[in-house]
Amino acid sequence: MDSSLHDAPLLQPSWTEHTNGDASNVSDTSDAAIADLKKSSSAVSFRAFILGITFGVSLTLTVTLLQHPLSPLWRAPCFLALLSVFHFLEFYITARYNQPAATLSAFLLTGNGYAYNVAHTLAFFECLLRNYVAPRYYPNWFLLQPFNAFLPNQRGARIAWLTLGITMLLGGQGIRTMAMAQAGTNFNHLVQSKKKEGHVLVTNGVYGWLRHPSYFGFFWWGLGTQVVLGNLVCLVGYAVVLWRFFRFRIDSEFFPIMHNLRRKLRPLQRRDDC
C-alpha cells in the first residue's frame, strides 16, 4: 500500500482534467473544490464531536450507575458508549488506512438502512423496559447443567455472563478493526460490482484465517452488545437478522469477485498450458 495515501486530504481537488486551458475555469472549479472540502471537513468534525459528547456523557452515566450495585440501568448508557466507539472507529480506521474512502458515509451513522437504526433502538428500549418491569432479572443460563457445577449462585452466573459479553465485544471489535486496517484501500463499506484500479485480493494477516473477518467481527460485536445488556429478545433477533444480512451480502459479493479473479487467472492458465 502506498504510504502517501495517508497524507492526502479527505477530498482532493481534481479540477485539472476539466479546465481545457481556460484559467477562469481553473479558478472557478478550484474554488468549488475547496468549498466542498471545507463543507466535508466541517461535517466530519461535527459528527466526531457529537460521538465524543455521547461517549463522554454515556461513560459518566455508566460509571455513576455502577456505584449502585442493585441498579442494572448502567447497561443502557453503556450501550450508547459502545455505539459511539464503534462508529468513531469506523471512520477513524477508514481515514487512517483508506483515505480515499473517508467520506461522511464512513461513520455508518445513516448508511446502514432503516433496519439497523430500528434494531439498536429496540435493543435500547428492551434494556430499559426489562429493568423497569423486572430490575433484578438477568439470564440464568449459566445456572443450568453443566455450568452450575462451576457457578452455583446467581452472582457468579451474572459475572460469567458479563465476561462472555465483554469478550465478544472486544474480540469482535478487534477483529473488524484489524481487517479494515490490513485491507487498507481494498476495503469498502459498499459492495463493489466492478474491480477498481489497484484493488487486490487480500489473503494475509487476519484474512489468512477468516474469509470475511470484518463481517465476522461485526456479527460477534453485535451479539456481544446484547449479552452485556442482558437482552434475550434482541439477542435472538440480532443473531437471525445479522446472519441473514451477511449471508445475502456475501452471496452478492461472491460472483463479482469470482468474475474478476477468472479474468486475472486466465493469462496464468494459458501460460501453464504452454
Protein backbone atom coordinates (compact mmCIF):
# COMPACT_ATOMS: atom_id res chain seq x y z
CA MET A 1 0.00 0.00 0.00
CA ASP A 2 1.21 3.44 -0.91
CA SER A 3 2.01 5.29 2.30
CA SER A 4 1.39 8.62 0.58
CA LEU A 5 -2.32 7.92 0.71
CA HIS A 6 -2.24 8.58 4.45
CA ASP A 7 -1.18 12.19 3.85
CA ALA A 8 -3.83 13.07 1.26
CA PRO A 9 -6.84 15.27 2.16
CA LEU A 10 -10.32 13.78 2.54
CA LEU A 11 -11.37 15.41 -0.71
CA GLN A 12 -8.67 16.11 -3.25
CA PRO A 13 -9.43 18.96 -5.71
CA SER A 14 -9.37 17.25 -9.12
CA TRP A 15 -10.12 20.13 -11.44
CA THR A 16 -7.25 19.93 -13.90
CA GLU A 17 -8.93 17.47 -16.25
CA HIS A 18 -11.86 19.83 -16.83
CA THR A 19 -10.02 23.11 -17.47
CA ASN A 20 -9.31 22.87 -21.19
CA GLY A 21 -6.70 25.62 -20.79
CA ASP A 22 -9.19 28.20 -19.52
CA ALA A 23 -7.76 29.99 -16.48
CA SER A 24 -11.18 31.21 -15.35
CA ASN A 25 -12.50 27.65 -15.32
CA VAL A 26 -9.48 26.61 -13.27
CA SER A 27 -10.23 29.28 -10.70
CA ASP A 28 -13.97 28.55 -10.54
CA THR A 29 -13.56 24.80 -10.28
CA SER A 30 -10.78 25.11 -7.73
CA ASP A 31 -12.95 27.37 -5.57
CA ALA A 32 -15.79 24.87 -5.77
CA ALA A 33 -13.48 22.01 -4.78
CA ILE A 34 -12.15 23.99 -1.82
CA ALA A 35 -15.72 24.81 -0.75
CA ASP A 36 -16.64 21.11 -0.92
CA LEU A 37 -13.57 20.26 1.13
CA LYS A 38 -14.49 22.80 3.82
CA LYS A 39 -18.06 21.55 3.89
CA SER A 40 -16.96 17.93 4.20
CA SER A 41 -14.39 18.72 6.89
CA SER A 42 -16.92 20.64 8.98
CA ALA A 43 -19.47 17.84 8.67
CA VAL A 44 -16.88 15.25 9.71
CA SER A 45 -15.83 17.41 12.67
CA PHE A 46 -19.43 17.86 13.76
CA ARG A 47 -20.18 14.13 13.70
CA ALA A 48 -16.97 13.32 15.54
CA PHE A 49 -17.85 15.97 18.14
CA ILE A 50 -21.35 14.51 18.66
CA LEU A 51 -19.94 11.00 19.02
CA GLY A 52 -17.36 12.26 21.51
CA ILE A 53 -20.01 14.05 23.59
CA THR A 54 -22.26 10.99 23.52
CA PHE A 55 -19.41 8.76 24.59
CA GLY A 56 -18.35 11.08 27.43
CA VAL A 57 -21.85 11.54 28.82
CA SER A 58 -22.72 7.85 28.44
CA LEU A 59 -19.49 6.72 30.09
CA THR A 60 -20.07 9.12 33.00
CA LEU A 61 -23.62 7.81 33.49
CA THR A 62 -22.38 4.21 33.28
CA VAL A 63 -19.74 4.73 35.95
CA THR A 64 -22.19 6.66 38.15
CA LEU A 65 -24.89 3.99 37.94
CA LEU A 66 -22.35 1.26 38.65
CA GLN A 67 -22.00 2.78 42.12
CA HIS A 68 -25.46 1.37 42.83
CA PRO A 69 -24.98 -2.42 42.62
CA LEU A 70 -28.73 -3.12 42.80
CA SER A 71 -29.44 -0.99 39.72
CA PRO A 72 -28.78 -2.60 36.32
CA LEU A 73 -29.58 0.64 34.47
CA TRP A 74 -25.87 1.21 33.76
CA ARG A 75 -26.26 -1.07 30.76
CA ALA A 76 -28.36 1.45 28.80
CA PRO A 77 -25.78 4.28 28.72
CA CYS A 78 -23.05 1.66 28.31
CA PHE A 79 -24.76 0.60 25.08
CA LEU A 80 -24.68 4.19 23.80
CA ALA A 81 -20.99 4.44 24.68
CA LEU A 82 -20.26 1.23 22.78
CA LEU A 83 -22.12 2.50 19.72
CA SER A 84 -20.20 5.79 19.86
CA VAL A 85 -16.86 4.00 19.93
CA PHE A 86 -17.86 1.66 17.10
CA HIS A 87 -19.00 4.42 14.74
CA PHE A 88 -15.98 6.59 15.54
CA LEU A 89 -13.61 3.71 14.82
CA GLU A 90 -15.36 3.02 11.51
CA PHE A 91 -14.41 6.48 10.27
CA TYR A 92 -11.03 6.71 12.01
CA ILE A 93 -9.73 3.40 10.65
CA THR A 94 -11.02 4.30 7.19
CA ALA A 95 -9.32 7.70 7.32
CA ARG A 96 -6.09 6.18 8.61
CA TYR A 97 -5.74 3.29 6.19
CA ASN A 98 -8.11 4.11 3.32
CA GLN A 99 -8.30 7.88 2.97
CA PRO A 100 -9.94 7.98 -0.46
CA ALA A 101 -13.00 6.33 1.13
CA ALA A 102 -13.02 8.58 4.23
CA THR A 103 -16.30 10.33 3.46
CA LEU A 104 -19.21 11.09 5.77
CA SER A 105 -20.75 7.71 4.99
CA ALA A 106 -17.73 6.00 6.58
CA PHE A 107 -19.22 6.80 10.00
CA LEU A 108 -22.04 4.36 9.14
CA LEU A 109 -24.44 6.57 11.07
CA THR A 110 -27.08 6.82 8.34
CA GLY A 111 -25.92 4.47 5.60
CA ASN A 112 -26.90 1.13 7.15
CA GLY A 113 -30.56 1.45 6.36
CA TYR A 114 -33.75 1.65 8.38
CA ALA A 115 -33.45 -1.80 9.96
CA TYR A 116 -30.06 -1.02 11.52
CA ASN A 117 -31.36 2.00 13.41
CA VAL A 118 -34.56 0.21 14.43
CA ALA A 119 -32.58 -2.74 15.80
CA HIS A 120 -30.43 -0.56 18.06
CA THR A 121 -33.45 1.44 19.18
CA LEU A 122 -35.35 -1.73 20.11
CA ALA A 123 -32.31 -3.06 21.97
CA PHE A 124 -32.03 0.16 23.98
CA PHE A 125 -35.70 0.16 24.94
CA GLU A 126 -35.75 -3.56 25.72
CA CYS A 127 -32.99 -2.91 28.22
CA LEU A 128 -34.93 -0.03 29.81
CA LEU A 129 -38.22 -1.96 29.82
CA ARG A 130 -36.70 -5.07 31.33
CA ASN A 131 -35.04 -3.07 34.08
CA TYR A 132 -38.34 -1.28 34.80
CA VAL A 133 -40.51 -4.42 34.86
CA ALA A 134 -38.00 -6.84 36.43
CA PRO A 135 -34.93 -4.89 37.59
CA ARG A 136 -33.34 -7.89 39.32
CA TYR A 137 -33.87 -10.32 36.46
CA TYR A 138 -30.88 -11.49 34.47
CA PRO A 139 -30.42 -14.51 32.18
CA ASN A 140 -29.54 -17.52 34.32
CA TRP A 141 -28.38 -19.85 31.56
CA PHE A 142 -25.10 -20.36 33.38
CA LEU A 143 -27.04 -21.90 36.28
CA LEU A 144 -28.06 -24.80 34.04
CA GLN A 145 -26.14 -28.03 33.57
CA PRO A 146 -23.19 -28.34 33.27
CA PHE A 147 -22.30 -24.75 34.20
CA ASN A 148 -23.88 -24.87 37.67
CA ALA A 149 -21.06 -27.13 38.82
CA PHE A 150 -18.73 -24.14 38.47
CA LEU A 151 -21.19 -21.26 39.07
CA PRO A 152 -23.56 -22.37 41.85
CA ASN A 153 -25.10 -18.95 42.52
CA GLN A 154 -26.70 -16.12 40.58
CA ARG A 155 -23.90 -13.64 41.25
CA GLY A 156 -21.34 -15.95 39.68
CA ALA A 157 -23.66 -16.50 36.71
CA ARG A 158 -24.02 -12.74 36.16
CA ILE A 159 -20.28 -12.21 36.27
CA ALA A 160 -19.76 -15.07 33.80
CA TRP A 161 -22.46 -13.67 31.51
CA LEU A 162 -20.91 -10.20 31.53
CA THR A 163 -17.46 -11.66 30.97
CA LEU A 164 -18.75 -13.54 27.95
CA GLY A 165 -20.34 -10.39 26.55
CA ILE A 166 -17.25 -8.25 27.06
CA THR A 167 -15.09 -10.93 25.44
CA MET A 168 -17.40 -11.00 22.41
CA LEU A 169 -17.35 -7.20 22.22
CA LEU A 170 -13.59 -6.83 22.41
CA GLY A 171 -12.92 -9.78 20.15
CA GLY A 172 -15.44 -8.70 17.52
CA GLN A 173 -14.31 -5.08 17.51
CA GLY A 174 -10.64 -6.05 17.43
CA ILE A 175 -11.05 -8.45 14.50
CA ARG A 176 -13.11 -5.96 12.48
CA THR A 177 -10.64 -3.16 13.12
CA MET A 178 -7.68 -5.35 12.13
CA ALA A 179 -9.49 -6.46 8.99
CA MET A 180 -10.16 -2.88 7.88
CA ALA A 181 -6.59 -1.82 8.65
CA GLN A 182 -4.97 -4.76 6.88
CA ALA A 183 -7.20 -4.46 3.81
CA GLY A 184 -6.38 -0.76 3.52
CA THR A 185 -7.62 0.72 0.24
CA ASN A 186 -9.00 -2.69 -0.73
CA PHE A 187 -11.72 -2.35 1.92
CA ASN A 188 -15.03 -0.66 1.18
CA HIS A 189 -18.24 -0.36 3.17
CA LEU A 190 -20.24 -0.71 -0.05
CA VAL A 191 -20.42 -3.82 -2.19
CA GLN A 192 -18.32 -3.24 -5.32
CA SER A 193 -19.55 -4.77 -8.57
CA LYS A 194 -16.52 -3.64 -10.60
CA LYS A 195 -12.83 -4.01 -9.90
CA LYS A 196 -11.17 -0.64 -9.35
CA GLU A 197 -7.62 0.08 -10.38
CA GLY A 198 -5.08 -1.11 -7.83
CA HIS A 199 -7.53 -3.37 -6.00
CA VAL A 200 -6.07 -6.71 -4.90
CA LEU A 201 -7.44 -9.72 -3.07
CA VAL A 202 -6.04 -9.66 0.48
CA THR A 203 -5.14 -13.13 1.76
CA ASN A 204 -2.60 -12.43 4.51
CA GLY A 205 -2.94 -11.40 8.14
CA VAL A 206 -6.37 -11.95 9.61
CA TYR A 207 -7.65 -12.67 6.09
CA GLY A 208 -5.46 -15.75 6.12
CA TRP A 209 -7.56 -17.14 8.96
CA LEU A 210 -11.03 -15.81 8.20
CA ARG A 211 -12.70 -15.41 4.83
CA HIS A 212 -14.76 -12.38 5.89
CA PRO A 213 -13.15 -11.07 9.09
CA SER A 214 -14.92 -7.68 9.08
CA TYR A 215 -18.31 -9.41 8.90
CA PHE A 216 -17.23 -11.97 11.47
CA GLY A 217 -16.14 -9.20 13.83
CA PHE A 218 -19.32 -7.16 13.46
CA PHE A 219 -21.50 -10.25 13.93
CA TRP A 220 -19.96 -11.14 17.28
CA TRP A 221 -19.69 -7.49 18.34
CA GLY A 222 -23.43 -7.08 17.75
CA LEU A 223 -24.28 -10.20 19.74
CA GLY A 224 -21.86 -9.13 22.46
CA THR A 225 -23.75 -5.87 22.97
CA GLN A 226 -26.95 -7.80 23.64
CA VAL A 227 -25.23 -10.19 26.02
CA VAL A 228 -23.90 -7.26 28.04
CA LEU A 229 -27.34 -5.62 28.02
CA GLY A 230 -29.00 -8.87 29.08
CA ASN A 231 -31.49 -8.64 26.20
CA LEU A 232 -32.95 -12.04 25.36
CA VAL A 233 -35.37 -10.96 22.62
CA CYS A 234 -32.90 -8.73 20.78
CA LEU A 235 -30.11 -11.26 21.22
CA VAL A 236 -32.11 -13.78 19.19
CA GLY A 237 -33.27 -11.06 16.80
CA TYR A 238 -29.73 -9.77 16.23
CA ALA A 239 -28.44 -13.29 15.57
CA VAL A 240 -31.13 -14.03 12.97
CA VAL A 241 -31.02 -10.65 11.23
CA LEU A 242 -27.23 -10.38 11.12
CA TRP A 243 -26.85 -13.96 9.88
CA ARG A 244 -29.34 -13.37 7.05
CA PHE A 245 -27.86 -9.97 6.19
CA PHE A 246 -24.27 -11.18 5.93
CA ARG A 247 -25.30 -14.33 4.08
CA PHE A 248 -27.03 -12.20 1.44
CA ARG A 249 -24.16 -9.71 1.30
CA ILE A 250 -21.53 -12.43 0.93
CA ASP A 251 -23.54 -14.05 -1.88
CA SER A 252 -23.85 -10.68 -3.64
CA GLU A 253 -20.08 -10.20 -3.41
CA PHE A 254 -19.11 -13.69 -4.49
CA PHE A 255 -19.96 -13.55 -8.19
CA PRO A 256 -18.25 -10.19 -8.99
CA ILE A 257 -15.14 -11.34 -7.13
CA MET A 258 -15.04 -14.66 -8.97
CA HIS A 259 -15.61 -12.87 -12.29
CA ASN A 260 -12.64 -10.61 -11.66
CA LEU A 261 -10.48 -13.48 -10.45
CA ARG A 262 -11.23 -15.54 -13.55
CA ARG A 263 -10.11 -12.69 -15.77
CA LYS A 264 -6.95 -12.32 -13.70
CA LEU A 265 -6.16 -16.03 -13.71
CA ARG A 266 -6.80 -16.60 -17.42
CA PRO A 267 -3.30 -15.47 -18.56
CA LEU A 268 -1.75 -17.72 -15.92
CA GLN A 269 -3.78 -20.67 -17.16
CA ARG A 270 -2.63 -20.07 -20.74
CA ARG A 271 0.97 -19.84 -19.53
CA ASP A 272 0.66 -23.14 -17.70
CA ASP A 273 -0.82 -24.80 -20.81
CA CYS A 274 2.24 -23.71 -22.78
